[in-house]
Amino acid sequence: MTSNFSIHKIIQRRRDFLLTVGKFILAGMLGLILTSCDVLRESDTDSGIGGKGVGARGIQPDIGRGSPSDWKSTTCAVVEDRTQWKWVPAPQDGSGENEDADPYIFQIDKPGDWKSKGKLGDVLITLLPLSSCKIDDKATIAYTTKDWLCVDDYVRVNDSDCLIKSIEAL
């Protein structure tokens, strides 16, 4: 009778041990999945970006979380409701839009509200010149449209996070 009791006890301990190990493995797998999907932490490179991005003159459908940077008038610009972007930093000879625009500069403004009517837009954003951040007429750009963006925040160009080198409200 004693040997049946001890065998039963050994089996019970082994089962408890395997259940505990299984729970740890399951918890580890769940944590890995959540981390890889960026659910557990806020990415430090997305600067509150909303959505996948839109083409030039498209309207950003998602607002985003806003910039993680503190407001500084010298290095930040208000982007709230500025959901439209264009790739035309400097028209030449007053001829309107320029096809030879800098591939690292774009402008944002409220839809249909380009204040300068063919000249510079409302907010000028210059990106760090990396090949993955080059803008052309087929580029898609996503950025937060909540509150403000600052130097050292990021925008997403063609699914690449791109660092803002300078930002200027015009």
Protein backbone atom coordinates (compact mmCIF):
# COMPACT_ATOMS: atom_id res chain seq x y z
CA MET A 1 0.00 0.00 0.00
CA THR A 2 2.86 2.35 0.77
CA SER A 3 4.43 1.82 -2.64
CA ASN A 4 1.15 2.63 -4.45
CA PHE A 5 0.86 5.82 -2.40
CA SER A 6 4.44 6.91 -3.20
CA ILE A 7 4.04 6.08 -6.91
CA HIS A 8 0.86 8.13 -6.98
CA LYS A 9 2.69 10.99 -5.22
CA ILE A 10 5.59 10.85 -7.73
CA ILE A 11 3.17 10.90 -10.65
CA GLN A 12 1.31 13.85 -9.11
CA ARG A 13 4.56 15.83 -8.62
CA ARG A 14 5.72 15.09 -12.16
CA ARG A 15 2.35 16.21 -13.55
CA ASP A 16 2.46 19.41 -11.48
CA PHE A 17 6.02 20.08 -12.65
CA LEU A 18 5.09 19.57 -16.32
CA LEU A 19 2.04 21.82 -15.95
CA THR A 20 4.22 24.56 -14.42
CA VAL A 21 6.82 24.24 -17.19
CA GLY A 22 4.03 24.35 -19.79
CA LYS A 23 2.64 27.55 -18.27
CA PHE A 24 6.08 29.20 -18.38
CA ILE A 25 6.55 28.17 -22.01
CA LEU A 26 3.10 29.45 -22.93
CA ALA A 27 3.69 32.75 -21.10
CA GLY A 28 7.07 33.14 -22.84
CA MET A 29 5.56 32.50 -26.26
CA LEU A 30 2.75 34.97 -25.59
CA GLY A 31 5.25 37.60 -24.43
CA LEU A 32 7.38 37.04 -27.54
CA ILE A 33 4.36 37.40 -29.83
CA LEU A 34 3.18 40.59 -28.12
CA THR A 35 6.66 42.11 -28.17
CA SER A 36 7.21 41.28 -31.83
CA CYS A 37 3.89 42.97 -32.66
CA ASP A 38 4.98 46.05 -30.64
CA VAL A 39 1.93 45.71 -28.38
CA LEU A 40 3.70 45.82 -25.01
CA ARG A 41 5.80 48.90 -25.63
CA GLU A 42 5.50 52.11 -27.58
CA SER A 43 8.13 52.22 -30.30
CA ASP A 44 10.71 54.93 -29.70
CA THR A 45 11.11 55.51 -33.43
CA ASP A 46 7.59 56.06 -34.64
CA SER A 47 6.86 59.46 -33.03
CA GLY A 48 3.19 58.69 -32.77
CA ILE A 49 2.80 58.00 -36.51
CA GLY A 50 -0.73 57.14 -37.58
CA GLY A 51 -1.43 54.73 -40.46
CA LYS A 52 0.64 53.34 -43.30
CA GLY A 53 0.94 56.56 -45.26
CA VAL A 54 -0.61 58.19 -48.31
CA GLY A 55 0.63 59.49 -51.63
CA ALA A 56 1.26 63.15 -52.35
CA ARG A 57 -1.82 65.32 -51.74
CA GLY A 58 -3.57 62.32 -50.20
CA ILE A 59 -5.22 62.86 -46.83
CA GLN A 60 -3.78 61.14 -43.74
CA PRO A 61 -6.70 59.05 -42.42
CA ASP A 62 -5.19 58.36 -38.96
CA ILE A 63 -4.27 60.99 -36.38
CA GLY A 64 -1.62 59.04 -34.45
CA ARG A 65 -0.50 59.52 -30.85
CA GLY A 66 1.42 62.74 -31.30
CA SER A 67 5.07 63.61 -30.79
CA PRO A 68 6.82 62.29 -27.70
CA SER A 69 8.99 65.45 -27.68
CA ASP A 70 8.32 68.42 -25.46
CA TRP A 71 7.23 71.56 -27.32
CA LYS A 72 10.00 74.01 -28.26
CA SER A 73 9.15 76.82 -30.65
CA THR A 74 12.63 76.67 -32.23
CA THR A 75 12.55 72.96 -33.13
CA CYS A 76 8.85 72.06 -33.39
CA ALA A 77 5.89 72.95 -35.60
CA VAL A 78 2.18 72.49 -35.09
CA VAL A 79 0.84 69.71 -37.33
CA GLU A 80 -2.67 69.35 -35.95
CA ASP A 81 -5.17 68.90 -38.82
CA ARG A 82 -2.35 69.21 -41.40
CA THR A 83 -3.25 65.91 -43.03
CA GLN A 84 -2.06 66.57 -46.59
CA TRP A 85 1.53 66.58 -47.86
CA LYS A 86 3.21 67.61 -51.09
CA TRP A 87 6.72 67.20 -52.45
CA VAL A 88 7.51 70.69 -53.69
CA PRO A 89 9.94 72.53 -51.45
CA ALA A 90 10.96 75.44 -53.67
CA PRO A 91 9.37 76.51 -56.96
CA GLN A 92 11.89 77.94 -59.40
CA ASP A 93 11.43 81.29 -61.14
CA GLY A 94 7.88 81.69 -59.80
CA SER A 95 6.77 78.97 -62.23
CA GLY A 96 4.76 77.01 -59.68
CA GLU A 97 5.63 73.48 -58.70
CA ASN A 98 9.10 72.18 -59.40
CA GLU A 99 9.84 68.65 -60.65
CA ASP A 100 13.43 68.87 -59.38
CA ALA A 101 12.43 69.13 -55.73
CA ASP A 102 14.81 68.03 -52.99
CA PRO A 103 14.11 64.32 -52.30
CA TYR A 104 14.35 64.84 -48.53
CA ILE A 105 12.00 67.81 -48.10
CA PHE A 106 8.21 67.84 -48.11
CA GLN A 107 5.47 70.22 -46.97
CA ILE A 108 2.32 69.58 -44.99
CA ASP A 109 -0.86 71.63 -44.64
CA LYS A 110 -4.58 71.39 -44.12
CA PRO A 111 -6.35 69.75 -47.09
CA GLY A 112 -6.85 72.23 -49.92
CA ASP A 113 -5.42 75.05 -47.79
CA TRP A 114 -1.96 75.65 -49.26
CA LYS A 115 -1.59 79.19 -47.91
CA SER A 116 1.03 80.39 -50.35
CA LYS A 117 -0.82 79.38 -53.54
CA GLY A 118 1.99 77.78 -55.54
CA LYS A 119 4.89 78.81 -53.34
CA LEU A 120 6.06 77.26 -50.09
CA GLY A 121 3.53 75.40 -47.99
CA ASP A 122 2.69 75.89 -44.35
CA VAL A 123 5.13 73.47 -42.63
CA LEU A 124 8.40 72.43 -44.27
CA ILE A 125 9.93 69.13 -43.08
CA THR A 126 13.48 68.11 -43.97
CA LEU A 127 14.52 64.49 -43.38
CA LEU A 128 17.95 63.06 -42.66
CA PRO A 129 19.24 62.19 -46.15
CA LEU A 130 19.21 58.39 -46.11
CA SER A 131 18.46 56.40 -49.26
CA SER A 132 15.48 54.66 -47.63
CA CYS A 133 13.95 58.09 -46.88
CA LYS A 134 14.10 59.50 -50.41
CA ILE A 135 10.84 61.09 -51.56
CA ASP A 136 9.61 61.01 -55.14
CA ASP A 137 6.26 61.32 -56.89
CA LYS A 138 5.36 57.73 -55.93
CA ALA A 139 6.28 57.98 -52.24
CA THR A 140 3.87 57.34 -49.38
CA ILE A 141 4.35 59.28 -46.18
CA ALA A 142 2.77 58.82 -42.75
CA TYR A 143 3.16 61.17 -39.79
CA THR A 144 1.20 62.14 -36.73
CA THR A 145 -1.35 64.90 -37.19
CA LYS A 146 -1.89 65.33 -33.46
CA ASP A 147 -0.40 68.41 -31.79
CA TRP A 148 3.17 68.90 -33.09
CA LEU A 149 6.26 67.32 -34.64
CA CYS A 150 9.82 68.22 -33.68
CA VAL A 151 13.37 67.77 -34.89
CA ASP A 152 14.46 64.19 -34.00
CA ASP A 153 10.90 62.86 -34.38
CA TYR A 154 10.17 60.39 -37.15
CA VAL A 155 7.87 60.16 -40.14
CA ARG A 156 7.38 57.03 -42.22
CA VAL A 157 8.41 57.19 -45.88
CA ASN A 158 7.58 54.09 -47.92
CA ASP A 159 7.38 52.02 -44.69
CA SER A 160 10.80 53.24 -43.43
CA ASP A 161 11.13 55.35 -40.27
CA CYS A 162 12.89 58.59 -41.23
CA LEU A 163 14.35 61.11 -38.79
CA ILE A 164 13.28 64.76 -39.05
CA LYS A 165 16.43 66.86 -39.47
CA SER A 166 14.64 70.22 -39.45
CA ILE A 167 11.08 71.49 -39.33
CA GLU A 168 9.91 74.99 -40.04
CA ALA A 169 6.53 76.67 -39.92
CA LEU A 170 6.36 79.15 -42.79
